[in-house]
Amino acid sequence: MLELAILGFLYDAPLHGYELRKRITALTGHVRPVAESTLYPAIKRLEKAGLLERALEPGAGAAPRHVLSLTEAGRDELRRRLAEPDPLDISDENRWFTVLAFLRHLEDRDAQAAVLRRRLDFLEQPASFFYDGDRPLPAEELDDPFRQGILTIARATSRTELTWLRATLGSLGT
């Protein structure tokens, strides 16, 4: 998820590390804050792989800053990751939001629709956070109001997302 966010934000525009960290934190930080000790090793891995490069630019009244930008290989890698997201990118809500944040960079509408269909297929599978053996328990069968709350909120979120997915697939003409 972190590498996808780095590639996605740098696809939008070159950024220095601090600004990149702020943007990633704004996208995912309420759940997973991004520490410098996590961000900068990821940047170095992507740079070593030839997916991004850095250039020195004068700082605003301070020392020069390293500005990061994508190489053409980095742009291709972002599009590949968007077209072929990992199954966890489809099933994990926070990772899914990262995919969605940059899916517009996958310019092929059919490819965008294929990714949305994978999420739709995932959401249409019966699921619960709580089970009686192999049987998913609906909120109505739980006597715990807090677990009922989890299921009620998740159901409302899923319904809203299903409506959005179906409408967006329709607007993509697929």
N, C-alpha and C. Protein backbone atom coordinates (compact mmCIF):
# COMPACT_ATOMS: atom_id res chain seq x y z
N MET A 1 0.83 -1.18 0.00
CA MET A 1 0.00 0.00 0.00
C MET A 1 0.88 1.25 0.00
N LEU A 2 1.94 1.25 0.80
CA LEU A 2 2.81 2.43 0.88
C LEU A 2 3.47 2.71 -0.46
N GLU A 3 4.01 1.69 -1.10
CA GLU A 3 4.66 1.90 -2.38
C GLU A 3 3.67 2.38 -3.44
N LEU A 4 2.47 1.82 -3.41
CA LEU A 4 1.44 2.26 -4.35
C LEU A 4 1.11 3.74 -4.13
N ALA A 5 1.00 4.15 -2.88
CA ALA A 5 0.71 5.55 -2.58
C ALA A 5 1.86 6.45 -3.02
N ILE A 6 3.10 6.02 -2.80
CA ILE A 6 4.25 6.82 -3.24
C ILE A 6 4.20 6.99 -4.75
N LEU A 7 4.05 5.88 -5.47
CA LEU A 7 4.01 5.94 -6.93
C LEU A 7 2.84 6.82 -7.40
N GLY A 8 1.68 6.66 -6.76
CA GLY A 8 0.51 7.42 -7.17
C GLY A 8 0.66 8.91 -6.96
N PHE A 9 1.13 9.31 -5.80
CA PHE A 9 1.28 10.75 -5.55
C PHE A 9 2.38 11.36 -6.43
N LEU A 10 3.45 10.59 -6.68
CA LEU A 10 4.50 11.12 -7.55
C LEU A 10 4.07 11.11 -9.01
N TYR A 11 3.12 10.27 -9.37
CA TYR A 11 2.55 10.32 -10.72
C TYR A 11 1.81 11.65 -10.90
N ASP A 12 1.16 12.08 -9.82
CA ASP A 12 0.44 13.36 -9.86
C ASP A 12 1.39 14.54 -10.03
N ALA A 13 2.51 14.53 -9.29
CA ALA A 13 3.45 15.65 -9.34
C ALA A 13 4.71 15.29 -8.57
N PRO A 14 5.86 15.85 -8.96
CA PRO A 14 7.08 15.67 -8.15
C PRO A 14 6.87 16.30 -6.77
N LEU A 15 7.43 15.65 -5.76
CA LEU A 15 7.27 16.12 -4.38
C LEU A 15 8.54 15.87 -3.59
N HIS A 16 8.77 16.66 -2.56
CA HIS A 16 9.84 16.33 -1.63
C HIS A 16 9.27 15.40 -0.57
N GLY A 17 10.15 14.71 0.14
CA GLY A 17 9.73 13.67 1.07
C GLY A 17 8.71 14.10 2.10
N TYR A 18 8.91 15.30 2.66
CA TYR A 18 7.99 15.78 3.70
C TYR A 18 6.58 15.95 3.13
N GLU A 19 6.48 16.55 1.95
CA GLU A 19 5.17 16.75 1.34
C GLU A 19 4.54 15.42 0.97
N LEU A 20 5.34 14.49 0.47
CA LEU A 20 4.84 13.16 0.14
C LEU A 20 4.29 12.47 1.40
N ARG A 21 5.02 12.56 2.48
CA ARG A 21 4.56 11.96 3.75
C ARG A 21 3.24 12.57 4.21
N LYS A 22 3.10 13.90 4.10
CA LYS A 22 1.85 14.56 4.48
C LYS A 22 0.69 14.04 3.65
N ARG A 23 0.89 13.89 2.35
CA ARG A 23 -0.20 13.43 1.47
C ARG A 23 -0.57 11.98 1.76
N ILE A 24 0.43 11.14 1.98
CA ILE A 24 0.13 9.74 2.29
C ILE A 24 -0.60 9.65 3.62
N THR A 25 -0.16 10.43 4.60
CA THR A 25 -0.81 10.43 5.91
C THR A 25 -2.25 10.92 5.79
N ALA A 26 -2.49 11.91 4.94
CA ALA A 26 -3.86 12.40 4.75
C ALA A 26 -4.75 11.32 4.16
N LEU A 27 -4.19 10.48 3.29
CA LEU A 27 -4.96 9.40 2.67
C LEU A 27 -5.16 8.23 3.61
N THR A 28 -4.13 7.86 4.36
CA THR A 28 -4.19 6.63 5.16
C THR A 28 -3.91 6.83 6.64
N GLY A 29 -3.49 8.02 7.02
CA GLY A 29 -2.96 8.26 8.35
C GLY A 29 -3.89 8.04 9.51
N HIS A 30 -5.21 8.22 9.29
CA HIS A 30 -6.11 8.02 10.41
C HIS A 30 -6.11 6.56 10.86
N VAL A 31 -5.67 5.69 9.98
CA VAL A 31 -5.61 4.27 10.32
C VAL A 31 -4.16 3.82 10.47
N ARG A 32 -3.32 4.26 9.56
CA ARG A 32 -1.93 3.83 9.54
C ARG A 32 -1.02 5.03 9.30
N PRO A 33 -0.65 5.75 10.36
CA PRO A 33 0.25 6.89 10.15
C PRO A 33 1.57 6.41 9.53
N VAL A 34 2.16 7.24 8.69
CA VAL A 34 3.38 6.89 8.00
C VAL A 34 4.56 7.51 8.72
N ALA A 35 5.42 6.67 9.26
CA ALA A 35 6.62 7.14 9.95
C ALA A 35 7.74 7.34 8.94
N GLU A 36 8.64 8.27 9.25
CA GLU A 36 9.80 8.48 8.39
C GLU A 36 10.60 7.19 8.26
N SER A 37 10.67 6.42 9.34
CA SER A 37 11.45 5.17 9.32
C SER A 37 10.83 4.12 8.40
N THR A 38 9.60 4.33 7.98
CA THR A 38 8.95 3.44 7.02
C THR A 38 8.99 4.05 5.62
N LEU A 39 8.75 5.34 5.52
CA LEU A 39 8.66 6.01 4.22
C LEU A 39 10.00 6.02 3.49
N TYR A 40 11.05 6.47 4.16
CA TYR A 40 12.32 6.67 3.45
C TYR A 40 12.96 5.37 2.96
N PRO A 41 12.88 4.26 3.69
CA PRO A 41 13.37 2.99 3.11
C PRO A 41 12.56 2.57 1.87
N ALA A 42 11.26 2.83 1.89
CA ALA A 42 10.43 2.50 0.72
C ALA A 42 10.85 3.36 -0.47
N ILE A 43 11.11 4.64 -0.23
CA ILE A 43 11.57 5.52 -1.30
C ILE A 43 12.89 5.01 -1.86
N LYS A 44 13.80 4.61 -0.99
CA LYS A 44 15.11 4.10 -1.44
C LYS A 44 14.95 2.83 -2.27
N ARG A 45 14.03 1.94 -1.86
CA ARG A 45 13.79 0.71 -2.64
C ARG A 45 13.28 1.05 -4.04
N LEU A 46 12.34 1.99 -4.11
CA LEU A 46 11.78 2.39 -5.40
C LEU A 46 12.84 3.09 -6.26
N GLU A 47 13.68 3.88 -5.62
CA GLU A 47 14.75 4.55 -6.36
C GLU A 47 15.75 3.53 -6.88
N LYS A 48 16.13 2.59 -6.04
CA LYS A 48 17.08 1.54 -6.45
C LYS A 48 16.53 0.71 -7.60
N ALA A 49 15.21 0.51 -7.62
CA ALA A 49 14.56 -0.25 -8.69
C ALA A 49 14.39 0.58 -9.96
N GLY A 50 14.79 1.85 -9.92
CA GLY A 50 14.70 2.71 -11.10
C GLY A 50 13.31 3.27 -11.34
N LEU A 51 12.44 3.25 -10.31
CA LEU A 51 11.07 3.70 -10.47
C LEU A 51 10.89 5.18 -10.13
N LEU A 52 11.83 5.72 -9.38
CA LEU A 52 11.78 7.15 -9.10
C LEU A 52 13.20 7.68 -9.04
N GLU A 53 13.29 9.00 -9.13
CA GLU A 53 14.59 9.66 -9.06
C GLU A 53 14.44 10.90 -8.21
N ARG A 54 15.58 11.37 -7.73
CA ARG A 54 15.56 12.57 -6.89
C ARG A 54 16.48 13.63 -7.49
N ALA A 55 16.10 14.88 -7.28
CA ALA A 55 16.90 16.01 -7.74
C ALA A 55 16.95 17.03 -6.62
N LEU A 56 18.07 17.72 -6.51
CA LEU A 56 18.21 18.77 -5.49
C LEU A 56 17.61 20.06 -6.02
N GLU A 57 16.79 20.68 -5.19
CA GLU A 57 16.22 21.99 -5.50
C GLU A 57 16.47 22.90 -4.31
N PRO A 58 16.61 24.19 -4.55
CA PRO A 58 16.82 25.10 -3.42
C PRO A 58 15.65 25.04 -2.43
N GLY A 59 15.98 25.06 -1.16
CA GLY A 59 14.94 25.08 -0.13
C GLY A 59 14.39 26.48 0.04
N ALA A 60 13.25 26.58 0.69
CA ALA A 60 12.62 27.88 0.95
C ALA A 60 13.27 28.47 2.20
N GLY A 61 14.44 29.10 2.00
CA GLY A 61 15.12 29.73 3.12
C GLY A 61 15.94 28.75 3.95
N ALA A 62 16.11 27.54 3.48
CA ALA A 62 16.86 26.55 4.24
C ALA A 62 17.76 25.76 3.28
N ALA A 63 18.19 24.63 3.74
CA ALA A 63 19.05 23.77 2.93
C ALA A 63 18.30 23.26 1.71
N PRO A 64 19.03 22.86 0.67
CA PRO A 64 18.37 22.31 -0.52
C PRO A 64 17.53 21.07 -0.15
N ARG A 65 16.49 20.85 -0.94
CA ARG A 65 15.60 19.72 -0.69
C ARG A 65 15.71 18.73 -1.85
N HIS A 66 15.51 17.46 -1.50
CA HIS A 66 15.46 16.42 -2.51
C HIS A 66 14.03 16.32 -3.00
N VAL A 67 13.82 16.54 -4.28
CA VAL A 67 12.49 16.42 -4.87
C VAL A 67 12.45 15.10 -5.63
N LEU A 68 11.42 14.34 -5.35
CA LEU A 68 11.25 13.02 -5.94
C LEU A 68 10.31 13.10 -7.13
N SER A 69 10.61 12.36 -8.17
CA SER A 69 9.72 12.28 -9.33
C SER A 69 9.79 10.87 -9.89
N LEU A 70 8.76 10.49 -10.61
CA LEU A 70 8.70 9.16 -11.21
C LEU A 70 9.50 9.12 -12.50
N THR A 71 10.11 7.99 -12.73
CA THR A 71 10.69 7.72 -14.03
C THR A 71 9.58 7.13 -14.90
N GLU A 72 9.85 6.95 -16.17
CA GLU A 72 8.85 6.31 -17.03
C GLU A 72 8.58 4.89 -16.54
N ALA A 73 9.61 4.20 -16.06
CA ALA A 73 9.42 2.86 -15.49
C ALA A 73 8.51 2.92 -14.26
N GLY A 74 8.62 3.98 -13.47
CA GLY A 74 7.76 4.16 -12.30
C GLY A 74 6.31 4.38 -12.70
N ARG A 75 6.10 5.14 -13.78
CA ARG A 75 4.74 5.37 -14.28
C ARG A 75 4.15 4.04 -14.77
N ASP A 76 4.96 3.27 -15.49
CA ASP A 76 4.50 1.97 -15.97
C ASP A 76 4.18 1.03 -14.81
N GLU A 77 5.02 1.07 -13.77
CA GLU A 77 4.81 0.21 -12.60
C GLU A 77 3.52 0.58 -11.86
N LEU A 78 3.25 1.87 -11.74
CA LEU A 78 1.99 2.29 -11.11
C LEU A 78 0.81 1.73 -11.90
N ARG A 79 0.83 1.92 -13.20
CA ARG A 79 -0.28 1.44 -14.02
C ARG A 79 -0.41 -0.08 -13.93
N ARG A 80 0.71 -0.80 -13.87
CA ARG A 80 0.65 -2.25 -13.72
C ARG A 80 0.01 -2.64 -12.39
N ARG A 81 0.43 -1.98 -11.31
CA ARG A 81 -0.12 -2.29 -9.99
C ARG A 81 -1.61 -1.96 -9.91
N LEU A 82 -2.02 -0.92 -10.60
CA LEU A 82 -3.44 -0.57 -10.61
C LEU A 82 -4.24 -1.56 -11.43
N ALA A 83 -3.70 -2.02 -12.54
CA ALA A 83 -4.41 -2.96 -13.41
C ALA A 83 -4.47 -4.36 -12.81
N GLU A 84 -3.47 -4.71 -11.99
CA GLU A 84 -3.38 -6.04 -11.40
C GLU A 84 -3.21 -5.95 -9.89
N PRO A 85 -4.18 -5.37 -9.19
CA PRO A 85 -3.99 -5.22 -7.75
C PRO A 85 -3.95 -6.57 -7.05
N ASP A 86 -3.16 -6.62 -6.03
CA ASP A 86 -3.05 -7.79 -5.17
C ASP A 86 -4.43 -8.09 -4.58
N PRO A 87 -4.75 -9.36 -4.33
CA PRO A 87 -6.06 -9.66 -3.72
C PRO A 87 -6.31 -8.88 -2.42
N LEU A 88 -5.27 -8.65 -1.64
CA LEU A 88 -5.44 -7.89 -0.41
C LEU A 88 -5.79 -6.43 -0.71
N ASP A 89 -5.33 -5.90 -1.85
CA ASP A 89 -5.71 -4.54 -2.25
C ASP A 89 -7.19 -4.44 -2.57
N ILE A 90 -7.79 -5.55 -2.93
CA ILE A 90 -9.23 -5.60 -3.23
C ILE A 90 -10.04 -5.80 -1.96
N SER A 91 -9.55 -6.64 -1.04
CA SER A 91 -10.35 -7.02 0.13
C SER A 91 -10.15 -6.11 1.34
N ASP A 92 -9.01 -5.48 1.48
CA ASP A 92 -8.75 -4.61 2.63
C ASP A 92 -9.21 -3.19 2.29
N GLU A 93 -10.11 -2.67 3.08
CA GLU A 93 -10.73 -1.37 2.76
C GLU A 93 -9.71 -0.25 2.62
N ASN A 94 -8.74 -0.18 3.50
CA ASN A 94 -7.76 0.91 3.44
C ASN A 94 -6.86 0.78 2.22
N ARG A 95 -6.47 -0.44 1.90
CA ARG A 95 -5.67 -0.65 0.69
C ARG A 95 -6.51 -0.36 -0.54
N TRP A 96 -7.80 -0.73 -0.49
CA TRP A 96 -8.71 -0.45 -1.60
C TRP A 96 -8.82 1.05 -1.85
N PHE A 97 -8.91 1.83 -0.79
CA PHE A 97 -9.00 3.28 -0.95
C PHE A 97 -7.75 3.83 -1.63
N THR A 98 -6.59 3.25 -1.35
CA THR A 98 -5.36 3.69 -2.01
C THR A 98 -5.43 3.37 -3.50
N VAL A 99 -5.93 2.20 -3.86
CA VAL A 99 -6.12 1.86 -5.28
C VAL A 99 -7.07 2.87 -5.92
N LEU A 100 -8.19 3.12 -5.27
CA LEU A 100 -9.17 4.05 -5.83
C LEU A 100 -8.61 5.47 -6.00
N ALA A 101 -7.75 5.88 -5.08
CA ALA A 101 -7.21 7.24 -5.13
C ALA A 101 -6.43 7.49 -6.42
N PHE A 102 -5.92 6.41 -7.03
CA PHE A 102 -5.07 6.58 -8.21
C PHE A 102 -5.58 5.83 -9.44
N LEU A 103 -6.74 5.21 -9.35
CA LEU A 103 -7.25 4.40 -10.46
C LEU A 103 -7.44 5.22 -11.73
N ARG A 104 -7.62 6.51 -11.61
CA ARG A 104 -7.79 7.36 -12.79
C ARG A 104 -6.54 7.34 -13.68
N HIS A 105 -5.38 7.01 -13.10
CA HIS A 105 -4.15 6.96 -13.88
C HIS A 105 -4.09 5.73 -14.78
N LEU A 106 -4.98 4.80 -14.56
CA LEU A 106 -5.13 3.66 -15.46
C LEU A 106 -6.13 4.12 -16.50
N GLU A 107 -5.64 4.57 -17.64
CA GLU A 107 -6.48 5.30 -18.59
C GLU A 107 -7.44 4.42 -19.37
N ASP A 108 -7.23 3.14 -19.40
CA ASP A 108 -8.11 2.21 -20.12
C ASP A 108 -9.36 1.96 -19.27
N ARG A 109 -10.51 2.41 -19.77
CA ARG A 109 -11.77 2.27 -19.02
C ARG A 109 -12.12 0.81 -18.75
N ASP A 110 -11.82 -0.07 -19.69
CA ASP A 110 -12.08 -1.49 -19.48
C ASP A 110 -11.22 -2.04 -18.34
N ALA A 111 -9.97 -1.59 -18.29
CA ALA A 111 -9.08 -2.02 -17.21
C ALA A 111 -9.57 -1.47 -15.86
N GLN A 112 -10.02 -0.21 -15.85
CA GLN A 112 -10.59 0.36 -14.63
C GLN A 112 -11.79 -0.47 -14.18
N ALA A 113 -12.67 -0.78 -15.13
CA ALA A 113 -13.88 -1.55 -14.83
C ALA A 113 -13.54 -2.94 -14.30
N ALA A 114 -12.50 -3.56 -14.85
CA ALA A 114 -12.10 -4.89 -14.38
C ALA A 114 -11.71 -4.85 -12.91
N VAL A 115 -11.01 -3.80 -12.50
CA VAL A 115 -10.63 -3.65 -11.09
C VAL A 115 -11.88 -3.44 -10.24
N LEU A 116 -12.78 -2.59 -10.68
CA LEU A 116 -14.02 -2.35 -9.93
C LEU A 116 -14.85 -3.62 -9.83
N ARG A 117 -14.88 -4.42 -10.90
CA ARG A 117 -15.65 -5.68 -10.87
C ARG A 117 -15.07 -6.64 -9.85
N ARG A 118 -13.76 -6.66 -9.70
CA ARG A 118 -13.14 -7.53 -8.68
C ARG A 118 -13.61 -7.12 -7.29
N ARG A 119 -13.68 -5.83 -7.03
CA ARG A 119 -14.16 -5.36 -5.72
C ARG A 119 -15.64 -5.70 -5.56
N LEU A 120 -16.42 -5.51 -6.61
CA LEU A 120 -17.84 -5.83 -6.58
C LEU A 120 -18.04 -7.31 -6.28
N ASP A 121 -17.29 -8.17 -6.95
CA ASP A 121 -17.38 -9.61 -6.69
C ASP A 121 -17.04 -9.94 -5.24
N PHE A 122 -16.02 -9.28 -4.72
CA PHE A 122 -15.63 -9.49 -3.33
C PHE A 122 -16.76 -9.08 -2.38
N LEU A 123 -17.35 -7.91 -2.61
CA LEU A 123 -18.39 -7.41 -1.70
C LEU A 123 -19.69 -8.22 -1.79
N GLU A 124 -19.93 -8.86 -2.92
CA GLU A 124 -21.16 -9.62 -3.08
C GLU A 124 -21.10 -11.01 -2.43
N GLN A 125 -19.94 -11.39 -1.91
CA GLN A 125 -19.81 -12.67 -1.22
C GLN A 125 -20.36 -12.52 0.20
N PRO A 126 -21.11 -13.52 0.67
CA PRO A 126 -21.60 -13.43 2.05
C PRO A 126 -20.42 -13.42 3.03
N ALA A 127 -20.50 -12.51 3.97
CA ALA A 127 -19.41 -12.39 4.94
C ALA A 127 -19.94 -11.81 6.23
N SER A 128 -19.20 -12.05 7.28
CA SER A 128 -19.50 -11.47 8.58
C SER A 128 -18.20 -11.40 9.35
N PHE A 129 -18.21 -10.65 10.42
CA PHE A 129 -17.06 -10.64 11.31
C PHE A 129 -17.20 -11.74 12.35
N PHE A 130 -18.41 -12.28 12.47
CA PHE A 130 -18.72 -13.26 13.51
C PHE A 130 -19.44 -14.45 12.90
N TYR A 131 -19.10 -15.64 13.39
CA TYR A 131 -19.62 -16.88 12.81
C TYR A 131 -20.11 -17.82 13.90
N ASP A 132 -21.08 -18.64 13.50
CA ASP A 132 -21.52 -19.79 14.29
C ASP A 132 -21.08 -21.00 13.48
N GLY A 133 -19.92 -21.55 13.81
CA GLY A 133 -19.33 -22.58 12.96
C GLY A 133 -18.92 -21.94 11.65
N ASP A 134 -19.45 -22.44 10.53
CA ASP A 134 -19.15 -21.87 9.21
C ASP A 134 -20.20 -20.85 8.77
N ARG A 135 -21.26 -20.68 9.55
CA ARG A 135 -22.36 -19.82 9.16
C ARG A 135 -22.13 -18.39 9.65
N PRO A 136 -22.13 -17.42 8.69
CA PRO A 136 -22.00 -16.02 9.12
C PRO A 136 -23.21 -15.59 9.94
N LEU A 137 -22.97 -14.88 11.02
CA LEU A 137 -24.06 -14.41 11.87
C LEU A 137 -24.47 -13.00 11.46
N PRO A 138 -25.76 -12.80 11.15
CA PRO A 138 -26.24 -11.44 10.89
C PRO A 138 -26.38 -10.68 12.21
N ALA A 139 -26.40 -9.37 12.11
CA ALA A 139 -26.49 -8.51 13.30
C ALA A 139 -27.71 -8.86 14.15
N GLU A 140 -28.81 -9.22 13.47
CA GLU A 140 -30.06 -9.49 14.19
C GLU A 140 -29.96 -10.69 15.12
N GLU A 141 -29.00 -11.57 14.91
CA GLU A 141 -28.86 -12.76 15.75
C GLU A 141 -27.87 -12.57 16.89
N LEU A 142 -27.28 -11.41 17.00
CA LEU A 142 -26.31 -11.15 18.06
C LEU A 142 -26.99 -10.45 19.23
N ASP A 143 -26.62 -10.84 20.44
CA ASP A 143 -27.17 -10.17 21.61
C ASP A 143 -26.22 -9.11 22.16
N ASP A 144 -25.08 -8.94 21.51
CA ASP A 144 -24.08 -7.95 21.91
C ASP A 144 -24.30 -6.68 21.08
N PRO A 145 -24.71 -5.56 21.72
CA PRO A 145 -25.00 -4.35 20.94
C PRO A 145 -23.77 -3.79 20.22
N PHE A 146 -22.59 -4.06 20.72
CA PHE A 146 -21.39 -3.52 20.09
C PHE A 146 -21.05 -4.30 18.82
N ARG A 147 -21.20 -5.62 18.90
CA ARG A 147 -21.01 -6.43 17.68
C ARG A 147 -22.13 -6.15 16.69
N GLN A 148 -23.33 -5.92 17.18
CA GLN A 148 -24.41 -5.51 16.27
C GLN A 148 -24.04 -4.21 15.56
N GLY A 149 -23.45 -3.30 16.31
CA GLY A 149 -23.02 -2.02 15.73
C GLY A 149 -22.00 -2.22 14.63
N ILE A 150 -21.02 -3.07 14.87
CA ILE A 150 -20.01 -3.36 13.84
C ILE A 150 -20.69 -3.85 12.57
N LEU A 151 -21.58 -4.82 12.71
CA LEU A 151 -22.23 -5.40 11.54
C LEU A 151 -23.19 -4.42 10.87
N THR A 152 -23.87 -3.63 11.64
CA THR A 152 -24.80 -2.64 11.07
C THR A 152 -24.03 -1.59 10.27
N ILE A 153 -22.94 -1.09 10.83
CA ILE A 153 -22.13 -0.09 10.14
C ILE A 153 -21.51 -0.70 8.88
N ALA A 154 -20.97 -1.90 9.00
CA ALA A 154 -20.34 -2.56 7.85
C ALA A 154 -21.37 -2.80 6.74
N ARG A 155 -22.57 -3.22 7.11
CA ARG A 155 -23.62 -3.46 6.11
C ARG A 155 -23.98 -2.17 5.39
N ALA A 156 -24.14 -1.07 6.13
CA ALA A 156 -24.48 0.21 5.50
C ALA A 156 -23.35 0.68 4.58
N THR A 157 -22.12 0.53 5.02
CA THR A 157 -20.97 0.91 4.20
C THR A 157 -20.93 0.07 2.93
N SER A 158 -21.13 -1.23 3.07
CA SER A 158 -21.11 -2.12 1.90
C SER A 158 -22.23 -1.79 0.92
N ARG A 159 -23.40 -1.51 1.43
CA ARG A 159 -24.52 -1.15 0.53
C ARG A 159 -24.21 0.12 -0.25
N THR A 160 -23.66 1.10 0.43
CA THR A 160 -23.30 2.35 -0.23
C THR A 160 -22.23 2.11 -1.29
N GLU A 161 -21.23 1.33 -0.95
CA GLU A 161 -20.17 1.05 -1.91
C GLU A 161 -20.69 0.24 -3.09
N LEU A 162 -21.56 -0.74 -2.83
CA LEU A 162 -22.14 -1.53 -3.93
C LEU A 162 -22.92 -0.63 -4.89
N THR A 163 -23.68 0.30 -4.34
CA THR A 163 -24.43 1.23 -5.18
C THR A 163 -23.47 2.06 -6.03
N TRP A 164 -22.42 2.58 -5.40
CA TRP A 164 -21.43 3.37 -6.13
C TRP A 164 -20.73 2.54 -7.20
N LEU A 165 -20.31 1.33 -6.85
CA LEU A 165 -19.61 0.47 -7.83
C LEU A 165 -20.49 0.20 -9.05
N ARG A 166 -21.73 -0.15 -8.82
CA ARG A 166 -22.63 -0.46 -9.93
C ARG A 166 -22.86 0.78 -10.81
N ALA A 167 -23.05 1.93 -10.18
CA ALA A 167 -23.26 3.16 -10.94
C ALA A 167 -21.99 3.53 -11.74
N THR A 168 -20.84 3.39 -11.11
CA THR A 168 -19.60 3.74 -11.79
C THR A 168 -19.31 2.77 -12.94
N LEU A 169 -19.56 1.50 -12.72
CA LEU A 169 -19.40 0.52 -13.82
C LEU A 169 -20.33 0.89 -14.97
N GLY A 170 -21.56 1.30 -14.65
CA GLY A 170 -22.49 1.73 -15.68
C GLY A 170 -21.99 2.95 -16.43
N SER A 171 -21.41 3.90 -15.70
CA SER A 171 -20.91 5.11 -16.37
C SER A 171 -19.67 4.84 -17.21
N LEU A 172 -18.95 3.77 -16.88
CA LEU A 172 -17.78 3.39 -17.69
C LEU A 172 -18.22 2.64 -18.95
N GLY A 173 -19.52 2.31 -19.00
CA GLY A 173 -20.06 1.64 -20.18
C GLY A 173 -19.67 0.19 -20.27
N THR A 174 -19.45 -0.43 -19.12
CA THR A 174 -19.04 -1.83 -19.15
C THR A 174 -20.07 -2.72 -18.50
